[in-house]
Amino acid sequence: MKIAYAGFDLLYPVLESLYDNGCEIVKIFTNKVDNITEFNTSVTAFAQKHNIELSYDKITTDDLLSLQSEGVDALFCAAYYYRVPILKGFKMVNVHPTFLPYGRGAWPMPMYILNNRSTSGVTFHKMEESFDTGDILMQKSFELKEKETLSGYMEKVYSLIPSIVGQLVADLDYYYDNAQEQADGEYLEAPDERDFIITEETDFEAADKILRAFEGFYVIYYSEGCEHRLLNAHAVKGNNENKKFKISGGYIAID
């Protein structure tokens, strides 16, 4: 099976699993990232290792028509910044890190942690004009811990990807033809600055939740009129005397 792929490193195991299941990856589309909090180093290294054409440009309808004319069977999209045009008659699969129809949106994982969700999942679905609404090809769920972290959430997603990809590419035509329409669900707005602000008055539990939800990303700490952007930080309960980043009932430590 010939596959085109679009994405950066957030869902890189999808690319590896497609290759491991015998798919011929003919072209990879990715996007520029800061390579500090989001990365594309694994995707680009994969393309270089296997001598696969790599593009940083937005996917266009002409790109899809060209892929179709070259006999490419499907496009798999797994964490890609840009809106992809829909080409009818061409298989287009998106990978979403929630159990759709719940958790639609560009960055639902932190919101699941902030909102104390107890379950989530990963969904492979047809791509449609509206985000995350296409018919479901396959999905699996998992439980979230009481003190879940963003990395822990994603490890659960990664653990399910190989088996889903294996089943899917074994008979993609069947799953595509028998995909299940999504029910009414929910769309989660992406987090904004208000969701990751911490001050000296923020209590330990709230600060801990924010730091777990945005693990690996910057959070904003305000103190005495100064703004600090903290990366790779965690909350520590206890005496905060002489600590730079105090919170109510503890402090923030930088890893």
C-alpha atoms as a PDB file:
ATOM      1  CA  MET A   1       0.000   0.000   0.000  1.00  0.00           C
ATOM      2  CA  LYS A   2       1.315   3.436  -0.973  1.00  0.00           C
ATOM      3  CA  ILE A   3       0.901   6.091   1.689  1.00  0.00           C
ATOM      4  CA  ALA A   4       1.508   9.834   1.976  1.00  0.00           C
ATOM      5  CA  TYR A   5       1.922  11.165   5.485  1.00  0.00           C
ATOM      6  CA  ALA A   6       1.433  14.555   7.129  1.00  0.00           C
ATOM      7  CA  GLY A   7       2.497  15.447  10.651  1.00  0.00           C
ATOM      8  CA  PHE A   8       5.189  16.433  13.101  1.00  0.00           C
ATOM      9  CA  ASP A   9       6.563  14.403  16.017  1.00  0.00           C
ATOM     10  CA  LEU A  10       3.558  14.539  18.362  1.00  0.00           C
ATOM     11  CA  LEU A  11       2.100  11.393  16.766  1.00  0.00           C
ATOM     12  CA  TYR A  12       5.292  10.048  15.201  1.00  0.00           C
ATOM     13  CA  PRO A  13       4.473   6.414  16.167  1.00  0.00           C
ATOM     14  CA  VAL A  14       1.801   6.497  13.446  1.00  0.00           C
ATOM     15  CA  LEU A  15       4.491   6.961  10.793  1.00  0.00           C
ATOM     16  CA  GLU A  16       6.667   4.208  12.243  1.00  0.00           C
ATOM     17  CA  SER A  17       3.719   1.836  12.496  1.00  0.00           C
ATOM     18  CA  LEU A  18       2.696   2.420   8.876  1.00  0.00           C
ATOM     19  CA  TYR A  19       6.231   1.582   7.778  1.00  0.00           C
ATOM     20  CA  ASP A  20       6.471  -1.437  10.085  1.00  0.00           C
ATOM     21  CA  ASN A  21       3.257  -2.796   8.591  1.00  0.00           C
ATOM     22  CA  GLY A  22       4.653  -2.787   5.086  1.00  0.00           C
ATOM     23  CA  CYS A  23       3.310   0.513   3.761  1.00  0.00           C
ATOM     24  CA  GLU A  24       5.393   2.325   1.168  1.00  0.00           C
ATOM     25  CA  ILE A  25       5.720   5.921   2.353  1.00  0.00           C
ATOM     26  CA  VAL A  26       6.087   7.937  -0.842  1.00  0.00           C
ATOM     27  CA  LYS A  27       5.962  11.484   0.521  1.00  0.00           C
ATOM     28  CA  ILE A  28       5.963  13.198   3.923  1.00  0.00           C
ATOM     29  CA  PHE A  29       4.521  16.622   4.647  1.00  0.00           C
ATOM     30  CA  THR A  30       5.516  18.302   7.874  1.00  0.00           C
ATOM     31  CA  ASN A  31       5.599  21.829   9.273  1.00  0.00           C
ATOM     32  CA  LYS A  32       8.135  24.048  10.969  1.00  0.00           C
ATOM     33  CA  VAL A  33       8.135  23.954  14.776  1.00  0.00           C
ATOM     34  CA  ASP A  34      10.285  25.479  17.499  1.00  0.00           C
ATOM     35  CA  ASN A  35      11.995  22.149  18.369  1.00  0.00           C
ATOM     36  CA  ILE A  36      11.850  23.246  21.996  1.00  0.00           C
ATOM     37  CA  THR A  37       8.303  22.358  22.986  1.00  0.00           C
ATOM     38  CA  GLU A  38       7.199  20.772  19.703  1.00  0.00           C
ATOM     39  CA  PHE A  39       9.460  18.775  17.430  1.00  0.00           C
ATOM     40  CA  ASN A  40       9.754  17.479  13.895  1.00  0.00           C
ATOM     41  CA  THR A  41      13.221  15.940  14.244  1.00  0.00           C
ATOM     42  CA  SER A  42      11.986  12.326  14.225  1.00  0.00           C
ATOM     43  CA  VAL A  43       9.809  12.835  11.155  1.00  0.00           C
ATOM     44  CA  THR A  44      12.566  14.586   9.202  1.00  0.00           C
ATOM     45  CA  ALA A  45      15.152  11.975  10.239  1.00  0.00           C
ATOM     46  CA  PHE A  46      12.801   9.227   9.097  1.00  0.00           C
ATOM     47  CA  ALA A  47      12.417  10.885   5.697  1.00  0.00           C
ATOM     48  CA  GLN A  48      16.172  11.255   5.316  1.00  0.00           C
ATOM     49  CA  LYS A  49      16.916   7.703   6.442  1.00  0.00           C
ATOM     50  CA  HIS A  50      14.468   6.185   3.980  1.00  0.00           C
ATOM     51  CA  ASN A  51      15.100   8.685   1.165  1.00  0.00           C
ATOM     52  CA  ILE A  52      11.491   9.903   1.171  1.00  0.00           C
ATOM     53  CA  GLU A  53      10.489  13.229  -0.359  1.00  0.00           C
ATOM     54  CA  LEU A  54       9.853  15.771   2.408  1.00  0.00           C
ATOM     55  CA  SER A  55       7.817  18.958   2.093  1.00  0.00           C
ATOM     56  CA  TYR A  56       7.322  21.845   4.536  1.00  0.00           C
ATOM     57  CA  ASP A  57       4.709  23.481   2.314  1.00  0.00           C
ATOM     58  CA  LYS A  58       0.988  23.410   2.999  1.00  0.00           C
ATOM     59  CA  ILE A  59      -0.772  20.538   1.272  1.00  0.00           C
ATOM     60  CA  THR A  60      -2.788  21.739  -1.729  1.00  0.00           C
ATOM     61  CA  THR A  61      -5.450  20.116  -3.863  1.00  0.00           C
ATOM     62  CA  ASP A  62      -2.836  19.811  -6.618  1.00  0.00           C
ATOM     63  CA  ASP A  63      -0.639  17.834  -4.220  1.00  0.00           C
ATOM     64  CA  LEU A  64      -3.498  15.427  -3.545  1.00  0.00           C
ATOM     65  CA  LEU A  65      -4.313  15.061  -7.239  1.00  0.00           C
ATOM     66  CA  SER A  66      -0.649  14.353  -7.948  1.00  0.00           C
ATOM     67  CA  LEU A  67      -0.518  11.705  -5.223  1.00  0.00           C
ATOM     68  CA  GLN A  68      -3.686  10.113  -6.550  1.00  0.00           C
ATOM     69  CA  SER A  69      -2.306  10.012 -10.109  1.00  0.00           C
ATOM     70  CA  GLU A  70       0.863   8.325  -8.789  1.00  0.00           C
ATOM     71  CA  GLY A  71      -1.201   5.488  -7.337  1.00  0.00           C
ATOM     72  CA  VAL A  72      -1.010   6.572  -3.694  1.00  0.00           C
ATOM     73  CA  ASP A  73      -3.748   4.769  -1.771  1.00  0.00           C
ATOM     74  CA  ALA A  74      -4.242   7.157   1.142  1.00  0.00           C
ATOM     75  CA  LEU A  75      -3.044  10.172   3.072  1.00  0.00           C
ATOM     76  CA  PHE A  76      -2.575   9.697   6.806  1.00  0.00           C
ATOM     77  CA  CYS A  77      -2.591  12.928   8.787  1.00  0.00           C
ATOM     78  CA  ALA A  78      -1.277  12.778  12.357  1.00  0.00           C
ATOM     79  CA  ALA A  79      -0.739  16.156  14.071  1.00  0.00           C
ATOM     80  CA  TYR A  80      -0.350  18.553  11.155  1.00  0.00           C
ATOM     81  CA  TYR A  81      -0.626  22.323  11.613  1.00  0.00           C
ATOM     82  CA  TYR A  82      -2.427  23.176   8.389  1.00  0.00           C
ATOM     83  CA  ARG A  83      -5.947  22.602   7.133  1.00  0.00           C
ATOM     84  CA  VAL A  84      -5.834  19.965   4.399  1.00  0.00           C
ATOM     85  CA  PRO A  85      -8.214  20.286   1.422  1.00  0.00           C
ATOM     86  CA  ILE A  86     -10.572  17.359   0.956  1.00  0.00           C
ATOM     87  CA  LEU A  87     -10.350  15.407  -2.286  1.00  0.00           C
ATOM     88  CA  LYS A  88     -13.406  13.260  -2.869  1.00  0.00           C
ATOM     89  CA  GLY A  89     -12.599   9.728  -3.966  1.00  0.00           C
ATOM     90  CA  PHE A  90      -9.211   9.777  -2.247  1.00  0.00           C
ATOM     91  CA  LYS A  91      -8.786   8.084   1.114  1.00  0.00           C
ATOM     92  CA  MET A  92      -7.787  10.602   3.771  1.00  0.00           C
ATOM     93  CA  VAL A  93      -7.347   9.468   7.381  1.00  0.00           C
ATOM     94  CA  ASN A  94      -6.815  11.677  10.417  1.00  0.00           C
ATOM     95  CA  VAL A  95      -5.511  10.511  13.797  1.00  0.00           C
ATOM     96  CA  HIS A  96      -6.961  12.284  16.821  1.00  0.00           C
ATOM     97  CA  PRO A  97      -5.824  11.779  20.441  1.00  0.00           C
ATOM     98  CA  THR A  98      -9.272  11.528  22.049  1.00  0.00           C
ATOM     99  CA  PHE A  99     -12.190   9.119  21.886  1.00  0.00           C
ATOM    100  CA  LEU A 100     -14.318  10.972  19.338  1.00  0.00           C
ATOM    101  CA  PRO A 101     -16.886  12.471  19.161  1.00  0.00           C
ATOM    102  CA  TYR A 102     -15.655  13.857  22.479  1.00  0.00           C
ATOM    103  CA  GLY A 103     -12.650  16.136  22.637  1.00  0.00           C
ATOM    104  CA  ARG A 104     -12.686  17.547  19.135  1.00  0.00           C
ATOM    105  CA  GLY A 105     -10.248  20.402  18.672  1.00  0.00           C
ATOM    106  CA  ALA A 106      -6.635  21.305  18.033  1.00  0.00           C
ATOM    107  CA  TRP A 107      -5.190  20.634  21.513  1.00  0.00           C
ATOM    108  CA  PRO A 108      -7.625  18.742  23.732  1.00  0.00           C
ATOM    109  CA  MET A 109      -5.166  16.787  25.886  1.00  0.00           C
ATOM    110  CA  PRO A 110      -4.312  19.550  28.398  1.00  0.00           C
ATOM    111  CA  MET A 111      -8.006  20.361  28.748  1.00  0.00           C
ATOM    112  CA  TYR A 112      -8.743  16.743  29.640  1.00  0.00           C
ATOM    113  CA  ILE A 113      -6.272  16.991  32.525  1.00  0.00           C
ATOM    114  CA  LEU A 114      -7.482  20.420  33.630  1.00  0.00           C
ATOM    115  CA  ASN A 115     -11.087  19.175  33.564  1.00  0.00           C
ATOM    116  CA  ASN A 116     -10.330  15.988  35.534  1.00  0.00           C
ATOM    117  CA  ARG A 117     -11.500  13.625  32.796  1.00  0.00           C
ATOM    118  CA  SER A 118     -11.226   9.961  33.724  1.00  0.00           C
ATOM    119  CA  THR A 119     -11.083   8.460  30.212  1.00  0.00           C
ATOM    120  CA  SER A 120      -9.902   9.366  26.729  1.00  0.00           C
ATOM    121  CA  GLY A 121      -8.636   7.486  23.708  1.00  0.00           C
ATOM    122  CA  VAL A 122      -7.314   7.640  20.167  1.00  0.00           C
ATOM    123  CA  THR A 123      -9.416   7.711  16.997  1.00  0.00           C
ATOM    124  CA  PHE A 124      -8.645   7.109  13.333  1.00  0.00           C
ATOM    125  CA  HIS A 125     -11.327   8.734  11.191  1.00  0.00           C
ATOM    126  CA  LYS A 126     -12.066  10.004   7.714  1.00  0.00           C
ATOM    127  CA  MET A 127     -11.075  13.594   7.071  1.00  0.00           C
ATOM    128  CA  GLU A 128     -13.907  16.045   6.350  1.00  0.00           C
ATOM    129  CA  GLU A 129     -14.167  19.789   5.797  1.00  0.00           C
ATOM    130  CA  SER A 130     -14.997  20.326   9.468  1.00  0.00           C
ATOM    131  CA  PHE A 131     -12.326  19.268  11.954  1.00  0.00           C
ATOM    132  CA  ASP A 132     -12.544  15.893  13.714  1.00  0.00           C
ATOM    133  CA  THR A 133     -16.067  15.082  12.511  1.00  0.00           C
ATOM    134  CA  GLY A 134     -15.417  12.406   9.880  1.00  0.00           C
ATOM    135  CA  ASP A 135     -16.709   8.842  10.077  1.00  0.00           C
ATOM    136  CA  ILE A 136     -14.775   6.657  12.492  1.00  0.00           C
ATOM    137  CA  LEU A 137     -12.599   3.877  11.091  1.00  0.00           C
ATOM    138  CA  MET A 138     -11.281   2.578  14.399  1.00  0.00           C
ATOM    139  CA  GLN A 139     -10.790   3.823  17.947  1.00  0.00           C
ATOM    140  CA  LYS A 140      -9.684   2.596  21.358  1.00  0.00           C
ATOM    141  CA  SER A 141     -10.110   4.091  24.809  1.00  0.00           C
ATOM    142  CA  PHE A 142      -7.945   4.281  27.920  1.00  0.00           C
ATOM    143  CA  GLU A 143      -8.252   5.446  31.504  1.00  0.00           C
ATOM    144  CA  LEU A 144      -6.597   8.564  32.846  1.00  0.00           C
ATOM    145  CA  LYS A 145      -4.965   8.608  36.268  1.00  0.00           C
ATOM    146  CA  GLU A 146      -6.144  10.964  38.985  1.00  0.00           C
ATOM    147  CA  LYS A 147      -2.823  12.838  38.711  1.00  0.00           C
ATOM    148  CA  GLU A 148      -2.329  12.358  34.971  1.00  0.00           C
ATOM    149  CA  THR A 149       0.448  14.214  33.164  1.00  0.00           C
ATOM    150  CA  LEU A 150       0.550  15.253  29.525  1.00  0.00           C
ATOM    151  CA  SER A 151       3.396  12.820  28.832  1.00  0.00           C
ATOM    152  CA  GLY A 152       1.513  10.028  30.589  1.00  0.00           C
ATOM    153  CA  TYR A 153      -1.555  10.777  28.489  1.00  0.00           C
ATOM    154  CA  MET A 154       0.466  10.611  25.270  1.00  0.00           C
ATOM    155  CA  GLU A 155       2.202   7.380  26.292  1.00  0.00           C
ATOM    156  CA  LYS A 156      -1.249   5.809  26.503  1.00  0.00           C
ATOM    157  CA  VAL A 157      -2.013   7.079  23.007  1.00  0.00           C
ATOM    158  CA  TYR A 158       1.292   5.735  21.696  1.00  0.00           C
ATOM    159  CA  SER A 159       0.693   2.303  23.219  1.00  0.00           C
ATOM    160  CA  LEU A 160      -2.512   1.868  21.177  1.00  0.00           C
ATOM    161  CA  ILE A 161      -1.282   3.146  17.821  1.00  0.00           C
ATOM    162  CA  PRO A 162       0.647   0.071  16.553  1.00  0.00           C
ATOM    163  CA  SER A 163      -2.265  -2.346  16.954  1.00  0.00           C
ATOM    164  CA  ILE A 164      -4.766   0.076  15.398  1.00  0.00           C
ATOM    165  CA  VAL A 165      -2.514   0.796  12.416  1.00  0.00           C
ATOM    166  CA  GLY A 166      -1.853  -2.922  11.952  1.00  0.00           C
ATOM    167  CA  GLN A 167      -5.544  -3.759  11.815  1.00  0.00           C
ATOM    168  CA  LEU A 168      -6.406  -0.781   9.667  1.00  0.00           C
ATOM    169  CA  VAL A 169      -3.848  -1.188   6.897  1.00  0.00           C
ATOM    170  CA  ALA A 170      -4.495  -4.928   6.693  1.00  0.00           C
ATOM    171  CA  ASP A 171      -7.829  -4.057   5.046  1.00  0.00           C
ATOM    172  CA  LEU A 172      -8.169  -0.310   4.693  1.00  0.00           C
ATOM    173  CA  ASP A 173     -10.858  -0.621   2.023  1.00  0.00           C
ATOM    174  CA  TYR A 174     -13.102  -2.553   4.409  1.00  0.00           C
ATOM    175  CA  TYR A 175     -12.708  -0.119   7.289  1.00  0.00           C
ATOM    176  CA  TYR A 176     -13.150   2.874   4.995  1.00  0.00           C
ATOM    177  CA  ASP A 177     -16.316   1.470   3.440  1.00  0.00           C
ATOM    178  CA  ASN A 178     -17.752   0.519   6.832  1.00  0.00           C
ATOM    179  CA  ALA A 179     -16.778   3.586   8.843  1.00  0.00           C
ATOM    180  CA  GLN A 180     -19.265   4.680  11.507  1.00  0.00           C
ATOM    181  CA  GLU A 181     -20.829   8.122  11.465  1.00  0.00           C
ATOM    182  CA  GLN A 182     -19.994  10.203  14.509  1.00  0.00           C
ATOM    183  CA  ALA A 183     -22.708  11.103  16.989  1.00  0.00           C
ATOM    184  CA  ASP A 184     -23.076  14.586  18.433  1.00  0.00           C
ATOM    185  CA  GLY A 185     -20.091  15.299  20.656  1.00  0.00           C
ATOM    186  CA  GLU A 186     -18.115  18.248  21.910  1.00  0.00           C
ATOM    187  CA  TYR A 187     -15.531  20.682  20.637  1.00  0.00           C
ATOM    188  CA  LEU A 188     -12.887  21.907  23.073  1.00  0.00           C
ATOM    189  CA  GLU A 189     -11.351  25.291  22.452  1.00  0.00           C
ATOM    190  CA  ALA A 190      -7.560  25.193  22.568  1.00  0.00           C
ATOM    191  CA  PRO A 191      -6.071  26.384  25.866  1.00  0.00           C
ATOM    192  CA  ASP A 192      -5.197  30.055  26.048  1.00  0.00           C
ATOM    193  CA  GLU A 193      -2.931  32.028  28.375  1.00  0.00           C
ATOM    194  CA  ARG A 194      -5.533  32.122  31.141  1.00  0.00           C
ATOM    195  CA  ASP A 195      -5.294  28.356  31.437  1.00  0.00           C
ATOM    196  CA  PHE A 196      -1.575  28.282  32.260  1.00  0.00           C
ATOM    197  CA  ILE A 197      -1.022  31.268  34.554  1.00  0.00           C
ATOM    198  CA  ILE A 198       0.316  30.653  38.070  1.00  0.00           C
ATOM    199  CA  THR A 199       0.934  33.216  40.812  1.00  0.00           C
ATOM    200  CA  GLU A 200       2.107  33.148  44.433  1.00  0.00           C
ATOM    201  CA  GLU A 201      -1.554  32.930  45.449  1.00  0.00           C
ATOM    202  CA  THR A 202      -2.271  29.847  43.341  1.00  0.00           C
ATOM    203  CA  ASP A 203      -2.827  26.897  45.664  1.00  0.00           C
ATOM    204  CA  PHE A 204      -0.676  23.808  45.346  1.00  0.00           C
ATOM    205  CA  GLU A 205      -3.344  21.547  43.817  1.00  0.00           C
ATOM    206  CA  ALA A 206      -4.248  24.065  41.121  1.00  0.00           C
ATOM    207  CA  ALA A 207      -0.607  24.783  40.262  1.00  0.00           C
ATOM    208  CA  ASP A 208       0.192  21.077  40.182  1.00  0.00           C
ATOM    209  CA  LYS A 209      -2.670  20.446  37.760  1.00  0.00           C
ATOM    210  CA  ILE A 210      -1.574  23.243  35.424  1.00  0.00           C
ATOM    211  CA  LEU A 211       2.019  21.998  35.393  1.00  0.00           C
ATOM    212  CA  ARG A 212       0.888  18.423  34.725  1.00  0.00           C
ATOM    213  CA  ALA A 213      -1.469  19.524  31.942  1.00  0.00           C
ATOM    214  CA  PHE A 214       1.217  21.569  30.171  1.00  0.00           C
ATOM    215  CA  GLU A 215       4.177  19.337  30.921  1.00  0.00           C
ATOM    216  CA  GLY A 216       6.910  20.073  28.377  1.00  0.00           C
ATOM    217  CA  PHE A 217       5.375  23.444  27.457  1.00  0.00           C
ATOM    218  CA  TYR A 218       5.801  26.910  28.909  1.00  0.00           C
ATOM    219  CA  VAL A 219       3.599  28.088  31.750  1.00  0.00           C
ATOM    220  CA  ILE A 220       3.492  31.692  32.946  1.00  0.00           C
ATOM    221  CA  TYR A 221       4.372  32.598  36.529  1.00  0.00           C
ATOM    222  CA  TYR A 222       3.613  36.101  37.794  1.00  0.00           C
ATOM    223  CA  SER A 223       5.292  37.555  40.875  1.00  0.00           C
ATOM    224  CA  GLU A 224       5.747  41.181  41.941  1.00  0.00           C
ATOM    225  CA  GLY A 225       4.814  42.480  38.516  1.00  0.00           C
ATOM    226  CA  CYS A 226       7.297  40.229  36.715  1.00  0.00           C
ATOM    227  CA  GLU A 227       6.414  37.532  34.222  1.00  0.00           C
ATOM    228  CA  HIS A 228       8.446  34.325  34.129  1.00  0.00           C
ATOM    229  CA  ARG A 229       8.016  31.651  31.475  1.00  0.00           C
ATOM    230  CA  LEU A 230       8.733  28.287  33.052  1.00  0.00           C
ATOM    231  CA  LEU A 231       9.543  25.148  31.077  1.00  0.00           C
ATOM    232  CA  ASN A 232       9.887  21.635  32.489  1.00  0.00           C
ATOM    233  CA  ALA A 233       8.696  22.615  35.938  1.00  0.00           C
ATOM    234  CA  HIS A 234       6.776  20.759  38.650  1.00  0.00           C
ATOM    235  CA  ALA A 235       5.031  21.657  41.890  1.00  0.00           C
ATOM    236  CA  VAL A 236       6.551  20.692  45.237  1.00  0.00           C
ATOM    237  CA  LYS A 237       4.464  20.693  48.401  1.00  0.00           C
ATOM    238  CA  GLY A 238       6.010  22.100  51.575  1.00  0.00           C
ATOM    239  CA  ASN A 239       8.004  25.019  52.922  1.00  0.00           C
ATOM    240  CA  ASN A 240       8.582  27.672  50.245  1.00  0.00           C
ATOM    241  CA  GLU A 241      10.883  29.938  52.256  1.00  0.00           C
ATOM    242  CA  ASN A 242      13.692  31.308  50.077  1.00  0.00           C
ATOM    243  CA  LYS A 243      12.141  29.709  46.982  1.00  0.00           C
ATOM    244  CA  LYS A 244      11.979  31.831  43.831  1.00  0.00           C
ATOM    245  CA  PHE A 245       8.670  30.514  42.498  1.00  0.00           C
ATOM    246  CA  LYS A 246       6.387  30.323  45.511  1.00  0.00           C
ATOM    247  CA  ILE A 247       2.811  29.055  45.469  1.00  0.00           C
ATOM    248  CA  SER A 248       0.331  28.637  48.283  1.00  0.00           C
ATOM    249  CA  GLY A 249       1.426  25.500  50.121  1.00  0.00           C
ATOM    250  CA  GLY A 250       4.621  24.907  48.202  1.00  0.00           C
ATOM    251  CA  TYR A 251       6.776  26.075  45.315  1.00  0.00           C
ATOM    252  CA  ILE A 252       7.652  25.369  41.706  1.00  0.00           C
ATOM    253  CA  ALA A 253      10.896  23.601  40.891  1.00  0.00           C
ATOM    254  CA  ILE A 254      12.556  23.564  37.485  1.00  0.00           C
ATOM    255  CA  ASP A 255      13.574  20.118  36.277  1.00  0.00           C
END
